[in-house]
Amino acid sequence: MIELVLRLTPPLTLLLALLLLLRPWVLERFGARLQYGLWLCVPVLLLALIVPMASPASGNAMETYRVTLGELSHGAGKTDWLNAAYVTGLVLAVSVLGLSLLRLARLMQGAKPVASTTYTNNRLRLLASTDAQGPFVFGLFRPTVVLPEGFEARFNHKEQELILAHELSHWRRGDLHCNLLALALLCLCWFNPLCLLAYRRFRQDQEMACDADVTIELSQADRIAYGRALIGNAATVARSWQPLSHHYGDKHTMKQRLIQLKHSKGFSANSLLTPLALVAALGIWAQAPAMAGDHKEEARPVVRIEPKYPINAAKQGIEGYVQARFDIDAKGNVSNVVIFKSEPQGVFDKVSIDALNQWQYEPRATKAVEIQLDYRLTPPQASSQKPGDGERERIAVLPHNEEKH
């Protein structure tokens, strides 16, 4: 997992930096709805990068290691520490998200259903809670709006209608579902501060885009009422945050939201398709070397344990070779190792089998892989011969000083 995340981090970081840098200009020139739509570039880029990685043709991108037993232990230690640090951060990020969901669950349990004549919708469920700091919508399959205590007394009939329309618009547009995907990415990239900043701007753009959708056809008087409703909620919900729900007011972005209300701009799907197509093309182009690499269905090693040269054979100056055949399972593990030819017979068979059983290949089931291990006392001119020149792969095995291991 961490290898994939690290490989995706550089292009993801560049894209987020570009979106954040262009954000003020896009908001001023094209409006909040286009800016919010541009965040779709993130999943588009990730899909364009991940799909070629998952294809068999991308095997060239995997790094191959040929190590001795001592080097493997040292490298594994570094990898374990890196994985442990990443998993620890991931668990903490998921825990923070889980705690916020638990608080929301407790709030929902204490909320009471209310009947409203202001807004009628058969699918909409209205609840009232003394713990709610402001109205917000929740629910992945059915919209539920939680209202604060005294909601009807604080807002007139028109403002109540606009607030409920705003919350229902969030749910209808799929914003809550987008939040779920954004939070999953944020947890996976917890170590990248730019992801946290981008998530905050993403949520702010959601609110402004929703404002534009609700008010695009409203009269000037209704827009004024909508603005009053925004201001009326700003002071009460500034410290409240829910991971999947939406709050109607946010005083930190209130000024920008009010400005956007005065300068709402039209939205064209074609204007959004152009940058999405460009990002997808760049992602596919970035993977072109891997996709255009070796298309042969040959096994690609990840870790190889070098066999121990038999001490007695080394002392007696014996050289030889072993030709082996084995299978690779779907997890990349070696099995069914068979020595079908060796010279001298039986001298290097056991050490070869012991080493081959520890080899690791890329996860793809492959049958009857053949390899030749050349046991030499001195390095040959070509220590490894790759398949592709008419022969099975050949790897030289040399004596090593075992004291250092």
Protein backbone atom coordinates (compact mmCIF):
# COMPACT_ATOMS: atom_id res chain seq x y z
CA MET A 1 0.00 0.00 0.00
CA ILE A 2 2.66 2.51 1.03
CA GLU A 3 4.60 1.91 -2.21
CA LEU A 4 1.54 2.85 -4.26
CA VAL A 5 0.78 5.90 -2.10
CA LEU A 6 4.37 7.14 -2.39
CA ARG A 7 4.36 6.72 -6.16
CA LEU A 8 1.12 8.69 -6.47
CA THR A 9 2.20 11.47 -4.08
CA PRO A 10 4.38 13.58 -6.47
CA PRO A 11 1.80 13.92 -9.29
CA LEU A 12 -1.02 14.36 -6.76
CA THR A 13 0.90 17.09 -4.94
CA LEU A 14 1.62 18.94 -8.19
CA LEU A 15 -2.04 18.83 -9.18
CA LEU A 16 -3.25 20.05 -5.77
CA ALA A 17 -0.71 22.89 -5.82
CA LEU A 18 -1.93 23.93 -9.28
CA LEU A 19 -5.60 23.84 -8.22
CA LEU A 20 -4.88 25.90 -5.10
CA LEU A 21 -2.82 28.47 -6.99
CA LEU A 22 -5.47 28.92 -9.70
CA ARG A 23 -8.38 28.90 -7.25
CA PRO A 24 -8.66 32.70 -6.65
CA TRP A 25 -8.47 33.40 -10.38
CA VAL A 26 -11.05 30.71 -11.25
CA LEU A 27 -13.47 31.95 -8.57
CA GLU A 28 -13.25 35.52 -9.82
CA ARG A 29 -13.36 34.72 -13.53
CA PHE A 30 -15.65 31.67 -13.76
CA GLY A 31 -17.43 31.33 -10.41
CA ALA A 32 -17.71 28.75 -7.63
CA ARG A 33 -19.45 26.03 -9.60
CA LEU A 34 -16.62 25.61 -12.07
CA GLN A 35 -14.05 25.80 -9.27
CA TYR A 36 -15.86 23.05 -7.38
CA GLY A 37 -16.04 20.96 -10.54
CA LEU A 38 -12.28 21.26 -11.04
CA TRP A 39 -11.73 19.15 -7.93
CA LEU A 40 -12.85 16.22 -10.07
CA CYS A 41 -9.39 16.45 -11.61
CA VAL A 42 -8.05 14.68 -8.51
CA PRO A 43 -9.90 11.34 -8.91
CA VAL A 44 -9.48 11.55 -12.70
CA LEU A 45 -5.71 11.85 -12.33
CA LEU A 46 -5.52 9.03 -9.79
CA LEU A 47 -7.53 6.71 -12.02
CA ALA A 48 -5.36 7.58 -15.01
CA LEU A 49 -2.28 6.70 -12.97
CA ILE A 50 -3.56 3.62 -11.13
CA VAL A 51 -5.19 1.75 -14.01
CA PRO A 52 -1.95 1.42 -16.05
CA MET A 53 -0.08 0.45 -12.86
CA ALA A 54 -2.52 -2.41 -12.30
CA SER A 55 -2.11 -3.75 -15.82
CA PRO A 56 0.35 -6.61 -16.48
CA ALA A 57 2.29 -4.43 -18.94
CA SER A 58 3.38 -2.13 -16.17
CA GLY A 59 5.64 -4.72 -14.58
CA ASN A 60 8.73 -2.83 -15.72
CA ALA A 61 7.97 -0.17 -13.15
CA MET A 62 8.62 -2.59 -10.29
CA GLU A 63 12.08 -2.52 -8.81
CA THR A 64 14.01 -5.78 -8.72
CA TYR A 65 16.34 -6.66 -5.87
CA ARG A 66 19.06 -9.27 -5.77
CA VAL A 67 20.40 -9.52 -2.21
CA THR A 68 22.21 -11.77 0.17
CA LEU A 69 20.62 -12.93 3.40
CA GLY A 70 22.35 -10.22 5.44
CA GLU A 71 21.36 -7.44 3.01
CA LEU A 72 17.77 -8.65 2.98
CA SER A 73 17.51 -8.42 6.76
CA HIS A 74 18.94 -4.89 6.76
CA GLY A 75 16.60 -3.72 3.98
CA ALA A 76 13.59 -5.38 5.56
CA GLY A 77 14.25 -3.50 8.79
CA LYS A 78 14.12 -0.15 7.00
CA THR A 79 10.96 -1.14 5.14
CA ASP A 80 9.29 -2.33 8.34
CA TRP A 81 9.98 0.99 10.07
CA LEU A 82 8.57 2.94 7.14
CA ASN A 83 5.48 0.76 6.95
CA ALA A 84 4.98 0.96 10.72
CA ALA A 85 5.18 4.76 10.70
CA TYR A 86 2.72 4.99 7.80
CA VAL A 87 0.25 2.54 9.35
CA THR A 88 0.44 4.38 12.68
CA GLY A 89 -0.44 7.67 11.03
CA LEU A 90 -3.21 6.01 9.04
CA VAL A 91 -4.72 4.50 12.19
CA LEU A 92 -4.62 7.87 13.95
CA ALA A 93 -6.30 9.61 11.00
CA VAL A 94 -9.03 6.97 10.82
CA SER A 95 -9.46 7.21 14.60
CA VAL A 96 -10.03 10.97 14.44
CA LEU A 97 -12.60 10.41 11.71
CA GLY A 98 -14.23 7.63 13.75
CA LEU A 99 -14.51 9.83 16.86
CA SER A 100 -16.23 12.58 14.89
CA LEU A 101 -18.70 10.03 13.52
CA LEU A 102 -19.37 8.77 17.04
CA ARG A 103 -20.15 12.31 18.19
CA LEU A 104 -22.52 12.67 15.25
CA ALA A 105 -24.19 9.35 16.12
CA ARG A 106 -24.78 10.51 19.70
CA LEU A 107 -26.23 13.78 18.45
CA MET A 108 -28.55 11.93 16.07
CA GLN A 109 -29.72 9.60 18.86
CA GLY A 110 -30.70 12.56 21.03
CA ALA A 111 -32.44 14.43 18.21
CA LYS A 112 -36.22 14.48 17.98
CA PRO A 113 -38.33 14.43 14.80
CA VAL A 114 -40.13 17.63 13.93
CA ALA A 115 -42.93 18.44 11.55
CA SER A 116 -42.42 21.44 9.31
CA THR A 117 -44.89 23.19 7.08
CA THR A 118 -42.11 25.29 5.58
CA TYR A 119 -40.61 22.62 3.38
CA THR A 120 -42.42 19.49 2.19
CA ASN A 121 -40.52 16.53 0.83
CA ASN A 122 -41.43 12.89 1.32
CA ARG A 123 -37.79 11.74 1.40
CA LEU A 124 -36.56 14.50 3.71
CA ARG A 125 -36.43 13.75 7.43
CA LEU A 126 -36.27 16.70 9.83
CA LEU A 127 -34.80 16.41 13.32
CA ALA A 128 -34.24 18.95 16.10
CA SER A 129 -31.37 18.79 18.57
CA THR A 130 -30.26 20.98 21.44
CA ASP A 131 -26.65 19.99 20.68
CA ALA A 132 -26.74 21.16 17.05
CA GLN A 133 -24.99 24.50 16.59
CA GLY A 134 -26.52 25.07 13.19
CA PRO A 135 -28.63 23.29 10.57
CA PHE A 136 -26.83 20.55 8.68
CA VAL A 137 -27.70 17.67 6.41
CA PHE A 138 -26.61 14.08 6.83
CA GLY A 139 -27.32 10.71 5.24
CA LEU A 140 -25.82 8.69 2.41
CA PHE A 141 -29.08 7.05 1.34
CA ARG A 142 -31.76 9.38 2.74
CA PRO A 143 -31.37 13.11 3.49
CA THR A 144 -31.74 14.03 7.14
CA VAL A 145 -31.59 17.69 8.19
CA VAL A 146 -30.80 18.42 11.83
CA LEU A 147 -32.06 21.79 13.02
CA PRO A 148 -30.80 23.69 16.08
CA GLU A 149 -33.06 24.61 18.95
CA GLY A 150 -35.10 27.73 18.24
CA PHE A 151 -34.68 27.44 14.47
CA GLU A 152 -38.21 28.60 13.63
CA ALA A 153 -37.97 31.53 16.05
CA ARG A 154 -34.63 32.78 14.63
CA PHE A 155 -35.58 32.72 10.95
CA ASN A 156 -38.66 33.84 9.10
CA HIS A 157 -40.62 31.59 6.77
CA LYS A 158 -38.66 32.50 3.62
CA GLU A 159 -35.26 32.11 5.28
CA GLN A 160 -36.26 28.70 6.64
CA GLU A 161 -37.29 27.61 3.17
CA LEU A 162 -33.97 28.76 1.66
CA ILE A 163 -31.92 27.06 4.39
CA LEU A 164 -33.70 23.74 3.86
CA ALA A 165 -33.34 24.11 0.10
CA HIS A 166 -29.60 24.62 0.59
CA GLU A 167 -29.24 21.48 2.70
CA LEU A 168 -31.29 19.35 0.33
CA SER A 169 -29.26 20.66 -2.60
CA HIS A 170 -26.09 19.34 -0.95
CA TRP A 171 -27.57 15.88 -0.72
CA ARG A 172 -29.10 15.92 -4.20
CA ARG A 173 -25.78 16.92 -5.79
CA GLY A 174 -23.94 14.05 -4.08
CA ASP A 175 -21.69 16.31 -2.02
CA LEU A 176 -21.83 14.02 1.01
CA HIS A 177 -20.67 11.09 -1.08
CA CYS A 178 -17.85 13.21 -2.49
CA ASN A 179 -16.83 14.02 1.08
CA LEU A 180 -16.53 10.33 1.83
CA LEU A 181 -14.10 9.85 -1.06
CA ALA A 182 -12.16 12.98 -0.14
CA LEU A 183 -11.77 11.83 3.47
CA ALA A 184 -10.56 8.41 2.33
CA LEU A 185 -7.86 10.10 0.24
CA LEU A 186 -7.01 12.43 3.13
CA CYS A 187 -6.51 9.47 5.48
CA LEU A 188 -4.30 7.65 2.97
CA CYS A 189 -2.20 10.80 2.42
CA TRP A 190 -2.19 11.95 6.06
CA PHE A 191 1.52 12.84 5.82
CA ASN A 192 0.95 15.39 3.03
CA PRO A 193 -0.02 18.82 4.47
CA LEU A 194 -1.13 20.01 1.04
CA CYS A 195 -3.89 17.37 1.07
CA LEU A 196 -5.31 18.82 4.30
CA LEU A 197 -5.25 22.35 2.88
CA ALA A 198 -6.83 21.16 -0.36
CA TYR A 199 -9.57 19.36 1.58
CA ARG A 200 -10.48 22.55 3.46
CA ARG A 201 -10.66 24.54 0.23
CA PHE A 202 -12.65 21.73 -1.36
CA ARG A 203 -15.26 21.95 1.41
CA GLN A 204 -15.43 25.73 1.09
CA ASP A 205 -15.92 25.45 -2.67
CA GLN A 206 -18.72 22.96 -2.03
CA GLU A 207 -20.57 25.51 0.05
CA MET A 208 -20.13 28.31 -2.47
CA ALA A 209 -21.15 26.07 -5.38
CA CYS A 210 -24.25 25.03 -3.46
CA ASP A 211 -25.04 28.70 -2.79
CA ALA A 212 -24.84 29.37 -6.52
CA ASP A 213 -27.13 26.43 -7.36
CA VAL A 214 -29.78 27.53 -4.87
CA THR A 215 -29.73 31.24 -5.76
CA ILE A 216 -29.11 31.13 -9.52
CA GLU A 217 -32.79 31.76 -10.34
CA LEU A 218 -33.80 33.69 -7.21
CA SER A 219 -34.96 37.28 -7.24
CA GLN A 220 -32.88 40.03 -5.68
CA ALA A 221 -35.12 40.07 -2.59
CA ASP A 222 -34.74 36.32 -2.10
CA ARG A 223 -30.97 36.60 -2.47
CA ILE A 224 -30.95 39.20 0.27
CA ALA A 225 -32.97 36.84 2.47
CA TYR A 226 -30.51 34.06 1.66
CA GLY A 227 -27.61 36.30 2.66
CA ARG A 228 -29.31 37.15 5.95
CA ALA A 229 -29.68 33.44 6.65
CA LEU A 230 -25.97 32.91 6.01
CA ILE A 231 -25.01 35.70 8.38
CA GLY A 232 -27.47 34.46 11.00
CA ASN A 233 -25.74 31.08 11.13
CA ALA A 234 -22.13 32.23 10.81
CA ALA A 235 -21.47 32.89 14.49
CA THR A 236 -23.08 29.68 15.73
CA VAL A 237 -21.33 27.02 13.68
CA ALA A 238 -17.76 28.28 13.32
CA ARG A 239 -16.28 25.63 15.65
CA SER A 240 -18.43 22.73 14.58
CA TRP A 241 -17.26 20.21 12.01
CA GLN A 242 -18.71 16.99 10.69
CA PRO A 243 -16.81 14.82 8.23
CA LEU A 244 -19.71 13.82 5.99
CA SER A 245 -22.39 16.40 6.76
CA HIS A 246 -22.62 20.04 5.70
CA HIS A 247 -23.08 23.10 7.83
CA TYR A 248 -24.99 26.02 6.43
CA GLY A 249 -22.76 28.71 7.84
CA ASP A 250 -19.00 29.15 8.17
CA LYS A 251 -17.78 32.55 9.33
CA HIS A 252 -14.26 31.96 8.00
CA THR A 253 -15.55 31.87 4.43
CA MET A 254 -18.65 34.01 4.91
CA LYS A 255 -17.18 37.09 3.19
CA GLN A 256 -16.20 35.08 0.14
CA ARG A 257 -19.62 33.40 0.02
CA LEU A 258 -21.42 36.72 0.15
CA ILE A 259 -19.22 38.08 -2.65
CA GLN A 260 -20.01 35.04 -4.77
CA LEU A 261 -23.72 35.64 -4.20
CA LYS A 262 -23.38 39.08 -5.77
CA HIS A 263 -21.40 37.79 -8.74
CA SER A 264 -22.96 34.44 -9.58
CA LYS A 265 -21.79 33.20 -12.96
CA GLY A 266 -23.17 30.69 -15.38
CA PHE A 267 -21.80 27.20 -15.69
CA SER A 268 -21.10 25.10 -18.76
CA ALA A 269 -20.27 21.40 -18.64
CA ASN A 270 -18.04 21.81 -21.68
CA SER A 271 -15.81 24.24 -19.81
CA LEU A 272 -15.25 21.56 -17.16
CA LEU A 273 -14.72 18.67 -19.59
CA THR A 274 -11.69 20.36 -21.12
CA PRO A 275 -9.47 20.41 -17.96
CA LEU A 276 -10.71 16.95 -16.94
CA ALA A 277 -9.75 15.52 -20.32
CA LEU A 278 -6.39 17.30 -20.14
CA VAL A 279 -5.61 15.86 -16.69
CA ALA A 280 -6.62 12.37 -17.81
CA ALA A 281 -4.41 12.65 -20.89
CA LEU A 282 -1.45 13.82 -18.81
CA GLY A 283 -1.94 10.95 -16.36
CA ILE A 284 -2.02 8.38 -19.16
CA TRP A 285 0.95 10.03 -20.84
CA ALA A 286 2.93 9.85 -17.59
CA GLN A 287 2.35 6.09 -17.55
CA ALA A 288 3.26 5.66 -21.22
CA PRO A 289 6.79 4.31 -20.53
CA ALA A 290 5.37 1.56 -18.33
CA MET A 291 2.54 0.79 -20.76
CA ALA A 292 4.93 0.69 -23.72
CA GLY A 293 7.44 -1.51 -21.94
CA ASP A 294 7.99 -5.21 -22.24
CA HIS A 295 4.64 -6.82 -23.03
CA LYS A 296 5.85 -10.37 -22.60
CA GLU A 297 4.11 -12.41 -19.94
CA GLU A 298 7.35 -13.12 -18.11
CA ALA A 299 7.73 -13.29 -14.36
CA ARG A 300 9.38 -10.25 -12.80
CA PRO A 301 11.33 -10.71 -9.57
CA VAL A 302 10.97 -8.44 -6.58
CA VAL A 303 13.31 -10.11 -4.06
CA ARG A 304 15.94 -12.77 -4.72
CA ILE A 305 17.96 -14.57 -2.08
CA GLU A 306 21.42 -15.48 -3.34
CA PRO A 307 22.20 -19.16 -2.63
CA LYS A 308 25.05 -19.96 -0.26
CA TYR A 309 27.98 -21.42 -2.13
CA PRO A 310 28.69 -24.81 -0.45
CA ILE A 311 31.81 -24.41 1.71
CA ASN A 312 33.23 -27.85 0.78
CA ALA A 313 32.71 -27.18 -2.93
CA ALA A 314 34.45 -23.81 -2.65
CA LYS A 315 37.41 -25.34 -0.77
CA GLN A 316 37.77 -28.07 -3.41
CA GLY A 317 37.49 -25.56 -6.28
CA ILE A 318 34.31 -27.12 -7.65
CA GLU A 319 32.23 -25.08 -10.09
CA GLY A 320 28.98 -26.01 -11.81
CA TYR A 321 25.41 -24.99 -12.56
CA VAL A 322 21.83 -25.80 -11.68
CA GLN A 323 18.81 -25.55 -13.96
CA ALA A 324 15.57 -25.21 -11.99
CA ARG A 325 11.88 -24.97 -12.76
CA PHE A 326 9.23 -23.56 -10.40
CA ASP A 327 5.76 -22.04 -10.21
CA ILE A 328 4.70 -18.61 -8.93
CA ASP A 329 1.34 -18.18 -7.19
CA ALA A 330 -0.99 -15.18 -7.31
CA LYS A 331 0.82 -13.58 -4.35
CA GLY A 332 4.23 -13.86 -6.01
CA ASN A 333 5.50 -16.75 -3.85
CA VAL A 334 7.65 -19.51 -5.37
CA SER A 335 6.49 -23.12 -5.10
CA ASN A 336 7.09 -26.56 -6.64
CA VAL A 337 10.82 -26.05 -7.16
CA VAL A 338 12.32 -28.84 -9.28
CA ILE A 339 15.97 -29.27 -10.30
CA PHE A 340 15.82 -30.88 -13.74
CA LYS A 341 19.52 -30.62 -14.52
CA SER A 342 22.66 -29.95 -12.51
CA GLU A 343 26.40 -30.30 -12.92
CA PRO A 344 27.99 -31.79 -10.85
CA GLN A 345 24.83 -33.64 -9.91
CA GLY A 346 23.65 -33.12 -6.36
CA VAL A 347 26.39 -30.68 -5.28
CA PHE A 348 24.44 -27.42 -5.60
CA ASP A 349 20.86 -28.77 -5.58
CA LYS A 350 19.94 -28.25 -1.92
CA VAL A 351 21.29 -24.70 -1.54
CA SER A 352 19.58 -23.77 -4.79
CA ILE A 353 16.18 -25.08 -3.65
CA ASP A 354 16.51 -23.37 -0.24
CA ALA A 355 17.20 -20.02 -1.88
CA LEU A 356 14.58 -20.30 -4.63
CA ASN A 357 11.84 -21.06 -2.11
CA GLN A 358 12.48 -17.60 -0.59
CA TRP A 359 12.31 -15.68 -3.86
CA GLN A 360 9.46 -13.22 -4.34
CA TYR A 361 7.95 -12.16 -7.67
CA GLU A 362 5.35 -9.61 -8.64
CA PRO A 363 1.82 -10.84 -7.81
CA ARG A 364 0.85 -12.79 -10.93
CA ALA A 365 0.41 -16.54 -11.19
CA THR A 366 2.97 -18.04 -13.56
CA LYS A 367 3.74 -21.67 -14.30
CA ALA A 368 6.99 -23.44 -15.19
CA VAL A 369 9.47 -20.58 -14.80
CA GLU A 370 12.98 -21.75 -15.64
CA ILE A 371 16.26 -20.29 -14.44
CA GLN A 372 19.92 -21.32 -14.39
CA LEU A 373 22.24 -20.67 -11.44
CA ASP A 374 25.91 -20.68 -12.43
CA TYR A 375 28.18 -21.45 -9.46
CA ARG A 376 31.53 -19.80 -10.17
CA LEU A 377 34.57 -19.18 -8.00
CA THR A 378 35.39 -16.00 -9.90
CA PRO A 379 33.02 -13.47 -11.49
CA PRO A 380 32.22 -14.34 -15.10
CA GLN A 381 32.11 -11.71 -17.83
CA ALA A 382 28.29 -11.77 -17.85
CA SER A 383 26.90 -12.46 -14.38
CA SER A 384 23.27 -12.42 -15.46
CA GLN A 385 21.66 -13.23 -18.77
CA LYS A 386 18.06 -12.09 -19.17
CA PRO A 387 15.49 -14.16 -21.07
CA GLY A 388 14.96 -12.62 -24.43
CA ASP A 389 18.22 -13.62 -26.09
CA GLY A 390 17.02 -17.16 -26.72
CA GLU A 391 17.97 -18.67 -23.37
CA ARG A 392 16.60 -18.95 -19.86
CA GLU A 393 17.79 -16.37 -17.37
CA ARG A 394 21.21 -17.14 -15.91
CA ILE A 395 22.53 -15.78 -12.62
CA ALA A 396 26.05 -16.21 -11.30
CA VAL A 397 26.52 -17.36 -7.69
CA LEU A 398 29.88 -16.58 -6.08
CA PRO A 399 31.40 -17.64 -2.75
CA HIS A 400 30.91 -15.13 0.09
CA ASN A 401 32.59 -14.66 3.43
CA GLU A 402 29.91 -16.03 5.75
CA GLU A 403 31.51 -14.45 8.88
CA LYS A 404 30.03 -11.04 7.98
CA HIS A 405 26.53 -12.46 8.13
